[in-house]
Amino acid sequence: MQQPLVSIVIPFKNTAAFIKACLQSICKQTYENWEVIAVNDHSTDNSKELVSEFCQRDIRFFQFNNTGHGIIPALQKAYAHSKGQFITRMDADDIMHPNKLQIMVDALLQHGEKHLAIGQVSYFSEQGINDGYKRYERWLNQLTIKGNNYTDIYKECVIPSPCWMVYREDFDACGAFNSTRYPEDYDLCFRFYKNKLKCIPCNHILHYWRDYQTRTSRTSPHYAQNYFLDIKLHYFLQLDRDTEKPLVIWGAGNKGKNIAKSLLEKGLHFHWLCDNPKKIGKDIYGQRMQAYTLLTSLPNPQLIITVANEDAQAFIKSYLSKLPNISNKAVHFFC
C-alpha cells in the first residue's frame, strides 16, 4: 500500500494558547507518514518553545525561523524545507480531525495528479460563532460535498483553508507559495482554478476552524475587503473576461464603486447599472448610472454583480433567468 510522505507547512506567530492543541491533533492522525515544517514568524510569546518540545519528542517535527516578515515569507521558508510528495497547510490555531490526512491521501491516490483534495470545515469558539461565519461554513461545505467549488469563486474563498492537499508537482505548477498577493489563501485558490486542478468531492468534516477576536484574518490589514476585491478583479480580467461581450457592473454600493473605479483606472469600458431609482441617471466617477432594464438591449453581456443583500440577489437571479441574451456562465457574483 502506498504511503507517500505528506508535508504539513505551518506558519505561526504568538499562538502559544492554541498551538499545542494543533500539533497534538497532528500527532493523533491515523495516517502516520507526515512531516511538520513549522516556521516561527518572530513570536514574542513562548510559541517557539512549545514547538521545540514536539521537535524533541518526534523526529517528524521541524522548526525554522522566518527570515522575512509575515505569513507569505513564512510559508515560502517552510515549503523550501519540505520533502513530501503531497503538500498541505495547517494553521497553528486550528485542529485536524484524526482521519484528515488519511482521507485526503486516499482521495489523491485514487484520482491522481491534477486533482485537489479538500474537506468540509467546522467553526468553533469559546465565544460562540456568529451568523455570518455559520452561513459561510454552510455555503462552503455545500460546495465541497459536490466538488463544484469553483462555480462561486468570485464570491468568497471557495477552497477551505487550510483544508486542502495536492501533489507537489501540481503545487509547483500553480506557483506554490511564490505569489505575494494577500489574502494568500484566496490567491492560491485562484491559482488552483487557473491551473484547472479538479476538486475532489468530500462529505466529511476534516478541519476545525478556531475563531477568536485576535486571529489574523480579523486583525491584519491584508485581509481587508479591498484586498479581496483586488484579487477578484485581477483574476476575472485574466481568466474569465470575454472581451467580445459588453461588460456590465450591477450595483452602486461600496463594492460596486471600488470595482468601477478600478476598471476606469485601467481604461476599461463598462456599463454601470442599478435598481435604485435615486441613483439612476446620476454620474459617479464620470460614469452615468443606468437602469438595469438596459440589459435587454445589450448583446450577450458579461456581468459583475456587486449587490450583497440576499433578497436583492434573489431578485437579480430571477430577472436574469428570464433574459435570453444572458447565460449563467456570463454572470459573476462578487459578493
C-alpha atoms as a PDB file:
ATOM      1  CA  MET A   1       0.000   0.000   0.000  1.00  0.00           C
ATOM      2  CA  GLN A   2       1.347   3.429  -0.945  1.00  0.00           C
ATOM      3  CA  GLN A   3       2.284   5.698   1.963  1.00  0.00           C
ATOM      4  CA  PRO A   4       3.575   8.924   0.362  1.00  0.00           C
ATOM      5  CA  LEU A   5       5.168  11.500   2.638  1.00  0.00           C
ATOM      6  CA  VAL A   6       2.858  14.433   3.431  1.00  0.00           C
ATOM      7  CA  SER A   7       4.477  17.786   4.190  1.00  0.00           C
ATOM      8  CA  ILE A   8       2.407  19.941   6.550  1.00  0.00           C
ATOM      9  CA  VAL A   9       3.577  23.558   6.476  1.00  0.00           C
ATOM     10  CA  ILE A  10       2.661  25.707   9.474  1.00  0.00           C
ATOM     11  CA  PRO A  11       3.458  29.424   9.837  1.00  0.00           C
ATOM     12  CA  PHE A  12       2.919  30.628  13.410  1.00  0.00           C
ATOM     13  CA  LYS A  13       3.173  33.813  15.425  1.00  0.00           C
ATOM     14  CA  ASN A  14       2.138  34.282  19.053  1.00  0.00           C
ATOM     15  CA  THR A  15      -0.211  31.301  19.129  1.00  0.00           C
ATOM     16  CA  ALA A  16       1.002  29.808  22.412  1.00  0.00           C
ATOM     17  CA  ALA A  17      -2.575  29.476  23.647  1.00  0.00           C
ATOM     18  CA  PHE A  18      -3.518  27.179  20.756  1.00  0.00           C
ATOM     19  CA  ILE A  19      -0.502  25.640  19.040  1.00  0.00           C
ATOM     20  CA  LYS A  20      -0.151  22.696  21.417  1.00  0.00           C
ATOM     21  CA  ALA A  21      -3.688  21.508  20.632  1.00  0.00           C
ATOM     22  CA  CYS A  22      -2.970  21.982  16.928  1.00  0.00           C
ATOM     23  CA  LEU A  23       0.183  19.861  16.987  1.00  0.00           C
ATOM     24  CA  GLN A  24      -1.422  17.231  19.183  1.00  0.00           C
ATOM     25  CA  SER A  25      -4.186  16.825  16.592  1.00  0.00           C
ATOM     26  CA  ILE A  26      -1.485  16.083  14.013  1.00  0.00           C
ATOM     27  CA  CYS A  27       0.138  13.511  16.295  1.00  0.00           C
ATOM     28  CA  LYS A  28      -3.238  11.747  16.548  1.00  0.00           C
ATOM     29  CA  GLN A  29      -3.590  11.306  12.797  1.00  0.00           C
ATOM     30  CA  THR A  30      -4.401   7.783  11.651  1.00  0.00           C
ATOM     31  CA  TYR A  31      -2.064   8.402   8.708  1.00  0.00           C
ATOM     32  CA  GLU A  32       1.477   8.461  10.079  1.00  0.00           C
ATOM     33  CA  ASN A  33       3.845   9.255   7.193  1.00  0.00           C
ATOM     34  CA  TRP A  34       3.975  13.003   7.551  1.00  0.00           C
ATOM     35  CA  GLU A  35       6.375  15.797   8.434  1.00  0.00           C
ATOM     36  CA  VAL A  36       5.578  19.133  10.038  1.00  0.00           C
ATOM     37  CA  ILE A  37       7.582  22.137   8.862  1.00  0.00           C
ATOM     38  CA  ALA A  38       6.763  24.914  11.346  1.00  0.00           C
ATOM     39  CA  VAL A  39       8.117  28.417  10.816  1.00  0.00           C
ATOM     40  CA  ASN A  40       8.206  30.932  13.650  1.00  0.00           C
ATOM     41  CA  ASP A  41       7.256  34.398  12.382  1.00  0.00           C
ATOM     42  CA  HIS A  42       9.007  36.418  15.114  1.00  0.00           C
ATOM     43  CA  SER A  43       6.809  35.299  18.006  1.00  0.00           C
ATOM     44  CA  THR A  44       7.147  37.225  21.264  1.00  0.00           C
ATOM     45  CA  ASP A  45       5.368  34.608  23.398  1.00  0.00           C
ATOM     46  CA  ASN A  46       6.526  31.038  24.120  1.00  0.00           C
ATOM     47  CA  SER A  47       5.131  29.519  20.906  1.00  0.00           C
ATOM     48  CA  LYS A  48       8.623  28.645  19.737  1.00  0.00           C
ATOM     49  CA  GLU A  49       9.423  26.757  22.941  1.00  0.00           C
ATOM     50  CA  LEU A  50       6.185  24.766  22.681  1.00  0.00           C
ATOM     51  CA  VAL A  51       7.012  23.712  19.126  1.00  0.00           C
ATOM     52  CA  SER A  52      10.544  22.819  20.199  1.00  0.00           C
ATOM     53  CA  GLU A  53       9.102  20.336  22.703  1.00  0.00           C
ATOM     54  CA  PHE A  54       7.359  18.482  19.872  1.00  0.00           C
ATOM     55  CA  CYS A  55      10.560  18.550  17.804  1.00  0.00           C
ATOM     56  CA  GLN A  56      12.468  16.934  20.661  1.00  0.00           C
ATOM     57  CA  ARG A  57       9.871  14.178  21.138  1.00  0.00           C
ATOM     58  CA  ASP A  58       9.079  13.370  17.491  1.00  0.00           C
ATOM     59  CA  ILE A  59      11.549  13.385  14.582  1.00  0.00           C
ATOM     60  CA  ARG A  60       8.715  14.245  12.202  1.00  0.00           C
ATOM     61  CA  PHE A  61       8.614  17.832  13.532  1.00  0.00           C
ATOM     62  CA  PHE A  62      10.959  20.530  12.218  1.00  0.00           C
ATOM     63  CA  GLN A  63      11.127  24.190  13.204  1.00  0.00           C
ATOM     64  CA  PHE A  64      12.703  27.182  11.475  1.00  0.00           C
ATOM     65  CA  ASN A  65      12.715  30.944  11.991  1.00  0.00           C
ATOM     66  CA  ASN A  66      11.189  33.245   9.397  1.00  0.00           C
ATOM     67  CA  THR A  67      13.912  35.343   7.792  1.00  0.00           C
ATOM     68  CA  GLY A  68      11.247  37.656   6.380  1.00  0.00           C
ATOM     69  CA  HIS A  69       8.109  39.025   7.998  1.00  0.00           C
ATOM     70  CA  GLY A  70       4.553  37.784   7.579  1.00  0.00           C
ATOM     71  CA  ILE A  71       2.680  34.661   6.534  1.00  0.00           C
ATOM     72  CA  ILE A  72       3.845  34.520   2.917  1.00  0.00           C
ATOM     73  CA  PRO A  73       7.616  34.547   3.655  1.00  0.00           C
ATOM     74  CA  ALA A  74       6.972  32.020   6.437  1.00  0.00           C
ATOM     75  CA  LEU A  75       5.133  29.723   4.023  1.00  0.00           C
ATOM     76  CA  GLN A  76       7.914  30.103   1.476  1.00  0.00           C
ATOM     77  CA  LYS A  77      10.502  29.207   4.118  1.00  0.00           C
ATOM     78  CA  ALA A  78       8.528  26.148   5.204  1.00  0.00           C
ATOM     79  CA  TYR A  79       7.984  24.907   1.674  1.00  0.00           C
ATOM     80  CA  ALA A  80      11.685  25.270   0.855  1.00  0.00           C
ATOM     81  CA  HIS A  81      12.458  22.775   3.630  1.00  0.00           C
ATOM     82  CA  SER A  82       9.663  20.315   2.797  1.00  0.00           C
ATOM     83  CA  LYS A  83      10.290  16.939   1.169  1.00  0.00           C
ATOM     84  CA  GLY A  84       6.814  15.412   0.779  1.00  0.00           C
ATOM     85  CA  GLN A  85       5.178  14.125  -2.375  1.00  0.00           C
ATOM     86  CA  PHE A  86       1.943  15.651  -1.069  1.00  0.00           C
ATOM     87  CA  ILE A  87       1.674  19.209   0.275  1.00  0.00           C
ATOM     88  CA  THR A  88      -0.826  20.653   2.708  1.00  0.00           C
ATOM     89  CA  ARG A  89      -1.027  23.652   5.019  1.00  0.00           C
ATOM     90  CA  MET A  90      -2.139  23.945   8.621  1.00  0.00           C
ATOM     91  CA  ASP A  91      -2.872  26.999  10.757  1.00  0.00           C
ATOM     92  CA  ALA A  92      -1.389  26.977  14.236  1.00  0.00           C
ATOM     93  CA  ASP A  93      -4.690  27.775  15.952  1.00  0.00           C
ATOM     94  CA  ASP A  94      -6.814  25.111  14.233  1.00  0.00           C
ATOM     95  CA  ILE A  95      -7.384  21.388  14.815  1.00  0.00           C
ATOM     96  CA  MET A  96      -7.379  18.403  12.451  1.00  0.00           C
ATOM     97  CA  HIS A  97      -9.909  15.603  12.526  1.00  0.00           C
ATOM     98  CA  PRO A  98      -7.966  12.361  13.252  1.00  0.00           C
ATOM     99  CA  ASN A  99      -8.733  10.960   9.783  1.00  0.00           C
ATOM    100  CA  LYS A 100      -7.992  14.157   7.859  1.00  0.00           C
ATOM    101  CA  LEU A 101      -4.663  13.155   6.318  1.00  0.00           C
ATOM    102  CA  GLN A 102      -5.749   9.593   5.557  1.00  0.00           C
ATOM    103  CA  ILE A 103      -8.906  10.687   3.747  1.00  0.00           C
ATOM    104  CA  MET A 104      -7.033  13.293   1.694  1.00  0.00           C
ATOM    105  CA  VAL A 105      -4.161  10.980   0.804  1.00  0.00           C
ATOM    106  CA  ASP A 106      -6.608   8.258  -0.277  1.00  0.00           C
ATOM    107  CA  ALA A 107      -8.500  10.776  -2.419  1.00  0.00           C
ATOM    108  CA  LEU A 108      -5.350  11.901  -4.227  1.00  0.00           C
ATOM    109  CA  LEU A 109      -4.085   8.368  -4.758  1.00  0.00           C
ATOM    110  CA  GLN A 110      -7.455   7.385  -6.204  1.00  0.00           C
ATOM    111  CA  HIS A 111      -7.839  10.371  -8.544  1.00  0.00           C
ATOM    112  CA  GLY A 112      -4.199  11.128  -9.387  1.00  0.00           C
ATOM    113  CA  GLU A 113      -2.466  14.324 -10.394  1.00  0.00           C
ATOM    114  CA  LYS A 114      -4.314  17.467 -11.490  1.00  0.00           C
ATOM    115  CA  HIS A 115      -6.683  16.943  -8.574  1.00  0.00           C
ATOM    116  CA  LEU A 116      -7.134  18.804  -5.307  1.00  0.00           C
ATOM    117  CA  ALA A 117      -8.191  17.004  -2.140  1.00  0.00           C
ATOM    118  CA  ILE A 118     -10.392  19.160   0.067  1.00  0.00           C
ATOM    119  CA  GLY A 119     -12.621  18.628   3.095  1.00  0.00           C
ATOM    120  CA  GLN A 120     -15.531  20.134   4.936  1.00  0.00           C
ATOM    121  CA  VAL A 121     -14.872  22.509   7.829  1.00  0.00           C
ATOM    122  CA  SER A 122     -16.470  23.471  11.131  1.00  0.00           C
ATOM    123  CA  TYR A 123     -16.004  26.642  13.181  1.00  0.00           C
ATOM    124  CA  PHE A 124     -15.607  26.513  16.946  1.00  0.00           C
ATOM    125  CA  SER A 125     -15.126  29.267  19.511  1.00  0.00           C
ATOM    126  CA  GLU A 126     -15.391  29.833  23.249  1.00  0.00           C
ATOM    127  CA  GLN A 127     -17.481  32.929  22.490  1.00  0.00           C
ATOM    128  CA  GLY A 128     -19.789  31.179  20.040  1.00  0.00           C
ATOM    129  CA  ILE A 129     -19.981  31.514  16.253  1.00  0.00           C
ATOM    130  CA  ASN A 130     -21.816  34.444  14.691  1.00  0.00           C
ATOM    131  CA  ASP A 131     -24.398  34.026  11.919  1.00  0.00           C
ATOM    132  CA  GLY A 132     -22.031  35.291   9.224  1.00  0.00           C
ATOM    133  CA  TYR A 133     -19.472  32.571   9.881  1.00  0.00           C
ATOM    134  CA  LYS A 134     -22.208  29.944  10.151  1.00  0.00           C
ATOM    135  CA  ARG A 135     -23.531  30.946   6.726  1.00  0.00           C
ATOM    136  CA  TYR A 136     -20.041  30.854   5.244  1.00  0.00           C
ATOM    137  CA  GLU A 137     -19.419  27.397   6.742  1.00  0.00           C
ATOM    138  CA  ARG A 138     -22.700  26.022   5.333  1.00  0.00           C
ATOM    139  CA  TRP A 139     -22.121  27.604   1.925  1.00  0.00           C
ATOM    140  CA  LEU A 140     -18.552  26.320   1.664  1.00  0.00           C
ATOM    141  CA  ASN A 141     -19.447  22.806   2.781  1.00  0.00           C
ATOM    142  CA  GLN A 142     -22.291  22.646   0.256  1.00  0.00           C
ATOM    143  CA  LEU A 143     -19.768  23.363  -2.486  1.00  0.00           C
ATOM    144  CA  THR A 144     -17.234  20.888  -1.095  1.00  0.00           C
ATOM    145  CA  ILE A 145     -19.657  17.986  -0.820  1.00  0.00           C
ATOM    146  CA  LYS A 146     -20.202  18.223  -4.588  1.00  0.00           C
ATOM    147  CA  GLY A 147     -16.709  19.348  -5.576  1.00  0.00           C
ATOM    148  CA  ASN A 148     -18.081  22.262  -7.605  1.00  0.00           C
ATOM    149  CA  ASN A 149     -16.222  24.859  -5.535  1.00  0.00           C
ATOM    150  CA  TYR A 150     -15.060  26.970  -8.453  1.00  0.00           C
ATOM    151  CA  THR A 151     -18.616  27.846  -9.513  1.00  0.00           C
ATOM    152  CA  ASP A 152     -18.750  30.583  -6.855  1.00  0.00           C
ATOM    153  CA  ILE A 153     -15.079  31.542  -6.820  1.00  0.00           C
ATOM    154  CA  TYR A 154     -15.748  35.291  -7.145  1.00  0.00           C
ATOM    155  CA  LYS A 155     -17.949  35.382  -4.035  1.00  0.00           C
ATOM    156  CA  GLU A 156     -15.510  34.210  -1.374  1.00  0.00           C
ATOM    157  CA  CYS A 157     -12.543  31.871  -0.985  1.00  0.00           C
ATOM    158  CA  VAL A 158     -14.014  28.548  -2.154  1.00  0.00           C
ATOM    159  CA  ILE A 159     -11.098  26.292  -1.204  1.00  0.00           C
ATOM    160  CA  PRO A 160     -11.332  25.705   2.559  1.00  0.00           C
ATOM    161  CA  SER A 161      -8.082  26.936   4.025  1.00  0.00           C
ATOM    162  CA  PRO A 162      -6.111  25.212   5.376  1.00  0.00           C
ATOM    163  CA  CYS A 163      -8.033  22.100   4.354  1.00  0.00           C
ATOM    164  CA  TRP A 164      -6.529  21.066   1.040  1.00  0.00           C
ATOM    165  CA  MET A 165      -3.835  18.657  -0.168  1.00  0.00           C
ATOM    166  CA  VAL A 166      -2.147  18.475  -3.536  1.00  0.00           C
ATOM    167  CA  TYR A 167       0.612  16.673  -5.427  1.00  0.00           C
ATOM    168  CA  ARG A 168       3.900  18.534  -5.159  1.00  0.00           C
ATOM    169  CA  GLU A 169       4.266  18.733  -8.949  1.00  0.00           C
ATOM    170  CA  ASP A 170       0.822  20.314  -9.278  1.00  0.00           C
ATOM    171  CA  PHE A 171       1.563  22.714  -6.445  1.00  0.00           C
ATOM    172  CA  ASP A 172       4.757  23.856  -8.173  1.00  0.00           C
ATOM    173  CA  ALA A 173       2.842  24.291 -11.429  1.00  0.00           C
ATOM    174  CA  CYS A 174       0.444  26.607  -9.575  1.00  0.00           C
ATOM    175  CA  GLY A 175       3.315  28.744  -8.286  1.00  0.00           C
ATOM    176  CA  ALA A 176       3.416  27.192  -4.803  1.00  0.00           C
ATOM    177  CA  PHE A 177       3.703  29.987  -2.217  1.00  0.00           C
ATOM    178  CA  ASN A 178       5.611  32.320  -4.545  1.00  0.00           C
ATOM    179  CA  SER A 179       2.810  34.832  -5.047  1.00  0.00           C
ATOM    180  CA  THR A 180       2.957  37.925  -2.833  1.00  0.00           C
ATOM    181  CA  ARG A 181      -0.748  38.747  -3.111  1.00  0.00           C
ATOM    182  CA  TYR A 182      -2.872  38.894   0.027  1.00  0.00           C
ATOM    183  CA  PRO A 183      -5.101  37.265   1.171  1.00  0.00           C
ATOM    184  CA  GLU A 184      -2.672  34.493   0.277  1.00  0.00           C
ATOM    185  CA  ASP A 185      -5.183  31.653   0.645  1.00  0.00           C
ATOM    186  CA  TYR A 186      -7.658  33.296  -1.758  1.00  0.00           C
ATOM    187  CA  ASP A 187      -4.889  33.983  -4.255  1.00  0.00           C
ATOM    188  CA  LEU A 188      -3.839  30.328  -4.091  1.00  0.00           C
ATOM    189  CA  CYS A 189      -7.459  29.325  -4.631  1.00  0.00           C
ATOM    190  CA  PHE A 190      -7.494  31.278  -7.908  1.00  0.00           C
ATOM    191  CA  ARG A 191      -4.215  29.692  -8.978  1.00  0.00           C
ATOM    192  CA  PHE A 192      -5.655  26.222  -8.374  1.00  0.00           C
ATOM    193  CA  TYR A 193      -8.590  27.322 -10.537  1.00  0.00           C
ATOM    194  CA  LYS A 194      -6.306  28.802 -13.205  1.00  0.00           C
ATOM    195  CA  ASN A 195      -4.360  25.548 -13.470  1.00  0.00           C
ATOM    196  CA  LYS A 196      -7.593  23.503 -13.661  1.00  0.00           C
ATOM    197  CA  LEU A 197      -6.995  21.324 -10.613  1.00  0.00           C
ATOM    198  CA  LYS A 198     -10.217  19.362 -10.098  1.00  0.00           C
ATOM    199  CA  CYS A 199     -11.740  19.481  -6.627  1.00  0.00           C
ATOM    200  CA  ILE A 200     -12.429  16.014  -5.223  1.00  0.00           C
ATOM    201  CA  PRO A 201     -15.854  15.973  -3.512  1.00  0.00           C
ATOM    202  CA  CYS A 202     -15.800  15.279   0.217  1.00  0.00           C
ATOM    203  CA  ASN A 203     -18.664  14.724   2.660  1.00  0.00           C
ATOM    204  CA  HIS A 204     -16.517  14.565   5.819  1.00  0.00           C
ATOM    205  CA  ILE A 205     -15.672  17.372   8.259  1.00  0.00           C
ATOM    206  CA  LEU A 206     -11.886  17.212   8.305  1.00  0.00           C
ATOM    207  CA  HIS A 207     -10.861  20.543   9.751  1.00  0.00           C
ATOM    208  CA  TYR A 208     -11.917  22.650  12.719  1.00  0.00           C
ATOM    209  CA  TRP A 209     -11.502  26.407  12.398  1.00  0.00           C
ATOM    210  CA  ARG A 210     -10.916  28.254  15.650  1.00  0.00           C
ATOM    211  CA  ASP A 211     -12.457  31.719  15.798  1.00  0.00           C
ATOM    212  CA  TYR A 212     -11.303  34.357  18.281  1.00  0.00           C
ATOM    213  CA  GLN A 213     -11.058  38.132  18.307  1.00  0.00           C
ATOM    214  CA  THR A 214      -7.305  38.444  17.667  1.00  0.00           C
ATOM    215  CA  ARG A 215      -6.867  35.882  14.894  1.00  0.00           C
ATOM    216  CA  THR A 216      -5.012  37.134  11.826  1.00  0.00           C
ATOM    217  CA  SER A 217      -7.964  37.175   9.428  1.00  0.00           C
ATOM    218  CA  ARG A 218      -9.788  39.519  11.808  1.00  0.00           C
ATOM    219  CA  THR A 219      -6.922  41.896  12.627  1.00  0.00           C
ATOM    220  CA  SER A 220      -4.462  42.041   9.713  1.00  0.00           C
ATOM    221  CA  PRO A 221      -4.972  44.801   7.120  1.00  0.00           C
ATOM    222  CA  HIS A 222      -4.037  42.206   4.467  1.00  0.00           C
ATOM    223  CA  TYR A 223      -7.495  40.677   4.929  1.00  0.00           C
ATOM    224  CA  ALA A 224      -9.469  43.894   4.460  1.00  0.00           C
ATOM    225  CA  GLN A 225     -12.293  43.877   1.909  1.00  0.00           C
ATOM    226  CA  ASN A 226     -10.380  45.923  -0.673  1.00  0.00           C
ATOM    227  CA  TYR A 227      -7.730  43.191  -0.918  1.00  0.00           C
ATOM    228  CA  PHE A 228     -10.409  40.619  -1.719  1.00  0.00           C
ATOM    229  CA  LEU A 229     -11.890  42.846  -4.419  1.00  0.00           C
ATOM    230  CA  ASP A 230      -8.479  43.476  -5.966  1.00  0.00           C
ATOM    231  CA  ILE A 231      -7.823  39.736  -6.242  1.00  0.00           C
ATOM    232  CA  LYS A 232     -11.275  39.051  -7.672  1.00  0.00           C
ATOM    233  CA  LEU A 233     -10.956  41.683 -10.379  1.00  0.00           C
ATOM    234  CA  HIS A 234      -7.339  40.750 -11.180  1.00  0.00           C
ATOM    235  CA  TYR A 235      -8.201  37.114 -11.871  1.00  0.00           C
ATOM    236  CA  PHE A 236     -11.541  37.850 -13.517  1.00  0.00           C
ATOM    237  CA  LEU A 237      -9.846  40.027 -16.118  1.00  0.00           C
ATOM    238  CA  GLN A 238      -7.125  37.417 -16.578  1.00  0.00           C
ATOM    239  CA  LEU A 239      -9.194  34.227 -16.609  1.00  0.00           C
ATOM    240  CA  ASP A 240     -12.862  34.873 -17.346  1.00  0.00           C
ATOM    241  CA  ARG A 241     -13.272  38.226 -19.074  1.00  0.00           C
ATOM    242  CA  ASP A 242     -14.651  37.831 -22.589  1.00  0.00           C
ATOM    243  CA  THR A 243     -13.664  40.994 -24.447  1.00  0.00           C
ATOM    244  CA  GLU A 244     -16.170  40.180 -27.193  1.00  0.00           C
ATOM    245  CA  LYS A 245     -19.021  40.830 -24.749  1.00  0.00           C
ATOM    246  CA  PRO A 246     -20.052  44.184 -23.229  1.00  0.00           C
ATOM    247  CA  LEU A 247     -19.020  44.350 -19.569  1.00  0.00           C
ATOM    248  CA  VAL A 248     -21.662  45.331 -17.020  1.00  0.00           C
ATOM    249  CA  ILE A 249     -21.487  46.152 -13.306  1.00  0.00           C
ATOM    250  CA  TRP A 250     -24.731  45.785 -11.371  1.00  0.00           C
ATOM    251  CA  GLY A 251     -24.607  47.583  -8.029  1.00  0.00           C
ATOM    252  CA  ALA A 252     -23.690  51.084  -6.833  1.00  0.00           C
ATOM    253  CA  GLY A 253     -22.672  50.345  -3.239  1.00  0.00           C
ATOM    254  CA  ASN A 254     -19.107  50.490  -1.949  1.00  0.00           C
ATOM    255  CA  LYS A 255     -18.056  47.301  -3.732  1.00  0.00           C
ATOM    256  CA  GLY A 256     -19.587  48.431  -6.988  1.00  0.00           C
ATOM    257  CA  LYS A 257     -17.850  51.787  -6.705  1.00  0.00           C
ATOM    258  CA  ASN A 258     -14.486  50.172  -5.974  1.00  0.00           C
ATOM    259  CA  ILE A 259     -14.801  47.838  -8.955  1.00  0.00           C
ATOM    260  CA  ALA A 260     -15.903  50.697 -11.209  1.00  0.00           C
ATOM    261  CA  LYS A 261     -13.014  52.878 -10.069  1.00  0.00           C
ATOM    262  CA  SER A 262     -10.510  50.105 -10.742  1.00  0.00           C
ATOM    263  CA  LEU A 263     -11.897  49.483 -14.227  1.00  0.00           C
ATOM    264  CA  LEU A 264     -11.763  53.203 -15.031  1.00  0.00           C
ATOM    265  CA  GLU A 265      -8.159  53.369 -13.845  1.00  0.00           C
ATOM    266  CA  LYS A 266      -7.367  50.505 -16.217  1.00  0.00           C
ATOM    267  CA  GLY A 267      -9.089  52.332 -19.064  1.00  0.00           C
ATOM    268  CA  LEU A 268     -11.706  49.595 -19.488  1.00  0.00           C
ATOM    269  CA  HIS A 269     -15.192  50.382 -20.775  1.00  0.00           C
ATOM    270  CA  PHE A 270     -18.275  49.097 -18.951  1.00  0.00           C
ATOM    271  CA  HIS A 271     -21.967  49.790 -18.353  1.00  0.00           C
ATOM    272  CA  TRP A 272     -22.952  50.574 -14.784  1.00  0.00           C
ATOM    273  CA  LEU A 273     -26.456  49.538 -13.713  1.00  0.00           C
ATOM    274  CA  CYS A 274     -28.549  49.539 -10.566  1.00  0.00           C
ATOM    275  CA  ASP A 275     -32.150  49.142  -9.435  1.00  0.00           C
ATOM    276  CA  ASN A 276     -32.152  52.129  -7.085  1.00  0.00           C
ATOM    277  CA  PRO A 277     -34.262  54.919  -8.651  1.00  0.00           C
ATOM    278  CA  LYS A 278     -32.451  57.515  -6.524  1.00  0.00           C
ATOM    279  CA  LYS A 279     -29.135  56.689  -8.216  1.00  0.00           C
ATOM    280  CA  ILE A 280     -30.271  56.047 -11.784  1.00  0.00           C
ATOM    281  CA  GLY A 281     -29.233  58.948 -14.024  1.00  0.00           C
ATOM    282  CA  LYS A 282     -26.538  60.202 -11.646  1.00  0.00           C
ATOM    283  CA  ASP A 283     -22.856  60.425 -12.546  1.00  0.00           C
ATOM    284  CA  ILE A 284     -20.313  58.631 -10.341  1.00  0.00           C
ATOM    285  CA  TYR A 285     -16.642  58.971 -11.291  1.00  0.00           C
ATOM    286  CA  GLY A 286     -17.917  60.487 -14.543  1.00  0.00           C
ATOM    287  CA  GLN A 287     -19.865  57.317 -15.315  1.00  0.00           C
ATOM    288  CA  ARG A 288     -23.634  57.517 -15.812  1.00  0.00           C
ATOM    289  CA  MET A 289     -25.722  55.141 -13.688  1.00  0.00           C
ATOM    290  CA  GLN A 290     -28.291  53.366 -15.819  1.00  0.00           C
ATOM    291  CA  ALA A 291     -31.398  51.291 -15.097  1.00  0.00           C
ATOM    292  CA  TYR A 292     -30.932  47.536 -15.016  1.00  0.00           C
ATOM    293  CA  THR A 293     -33.503  47.202 -17.803  1.00  0.00           C
ATOM    294  CA  LEU A 294     -30.707  48.265 -20.189  1.00  0.00           C
ATOM    295  CA  LEU A 295     -29.682  44.596 -20.149  1.00  0.00           C
ATOM    296  CA  THR A 296     -32.482  43.709 -22.543  1.00  0.00           C
ATOM    297  CA  SER A 297     -30.783  45.724 -25.292  1.00  0.00           C
ATOM    298  CA  LEU A 298     -27.187  44.573 -24.765  1.00  0.00           C
ATOM    299  CA  PRO A 299     -25.924  41.704 -26.954  1.00  0.00           C
ATOM    300  CA  ASN A 300     -24.704  38.829 -24.730  1.00  0.00           C
ATOM    301  CA  PRO A 301     -23.394  40.964 -21.868  1.00  0.00           C
ATOM    302  CA  GLN A 302     -20.998  39.735 -19.179  1.00  0.00           C
ATOM    303  CA  LEU A 303     -21.993  40.797 -15.660  1.00  0.00           C
ATOM    304  CA  ILE A 304     -20.241  41.527 -12.384  1.00  0.00           C
ATOM    305  CA  ILE A 305     -22.817  41.597  -9.583  1.00  0.00           C
ATOM    306  CA  THR A 306     -21.718  43.585  -6.517  1.00  0.00           C
ATOM    307  CA  VAL A 307     -25.039  43.523  -4.631  1.00  0.00           C
ATOM    308  CA  ALA A 308     -24.664  41.709  -1.283  1.00  0.00           C
ATOM    309  CA  ASN A 309     -28.239  41.734   0.019  1.00  0.00           C
ATOM    310  CA  GLU A 310     -29.661  38.202  -0.264  1.00  0.00           C
ATOM    311  CA  ASP A 311     -33.165  39.338  -1.243  1.00  0.00           C
ATOM    312  CA  ALA A 312     -31.720  41.645  -3.885  1.00  0.00           C
ATOM    313  CA  GLN A 313     -29.562  38.813  -5.204  1.00  0.00           C
ATOM    314  CA  ALA A 314     -32.620  36.589  -5.445  1.00  0.00           C
ATOM    315  CA  PHE A 315     -34.393  39.270  -7.497  1.00  0.00           C
ATOM    316  CA  ILE A 316     -31.356  39.665  -9.760  1.00  0.00           C
ATOM    317  CA  LYS A 317     -31.094  35.920 -10.368  1.00  0.00           C
ATOM    318  CA  SER A 318     -34.795  35.690 -11.136  1.00  0.00           C
ATOM    319  CA  TYR A 319     -34.655  38.659 -13.507  1.00  0.00           C
ATOM    320  CA  LEU A 320     -31.572  37.413 -15.355  1.00  0.00           C
ATOM    321  CA  SER A 321     -33.049  33.924 -15.763  1.00  0.00           C
ATOM    322  CA  LYS A 322     -35.788  35.422 -17.916  1.00  0.00           C
ATOM    323  CA  LEU A 323     -33.401  37.170 -20.318  1.00  0.00           C
ATOM    324  CA  PRO A 324     -32.500  35.010 -23.338  1.00  0.00           C
ATOM    325  CA  ASN A 325     -29.370  37.058 -24.089  1.00  0.00           C
ATOM    326  CA  ILE A 326     -27.625  36.195 -20.799  1.00  0.00           C
ATOM    327  CA  SER A 327     -26.125  32.816 -19.881  1.00  0.00           C
ATOM    328  CA  ASN A 328     -25.332  31.656 -16.352  1.00  0.00           C
ATOM    329  CA  LYS A 329     -21.636  31.452 -17.231  1.00  0.00           C
ATOM    330  CA  ALA A 330     -21.645  35.163 -18.045  1.00  0.00           C
ATOM    331  CA  VAL A 331     -22.846  36.179 -14.564  1.00  0.00           C
ATOM    332  CA  HIS A 332     -20.284  36.554 -11.778  1.00  0.00           C
ATOM    333  CA  PHE A 333     -21.312  37.403  -8.234  1.00  0.00           C
ATOM    334  CA  PHE A 334     -18.545  39.331  -6.476  1.00  0.00           C
ATOM    335  CA  CYS A 335     -20.211  39.101  -3.056  1.00  0.00           C
END
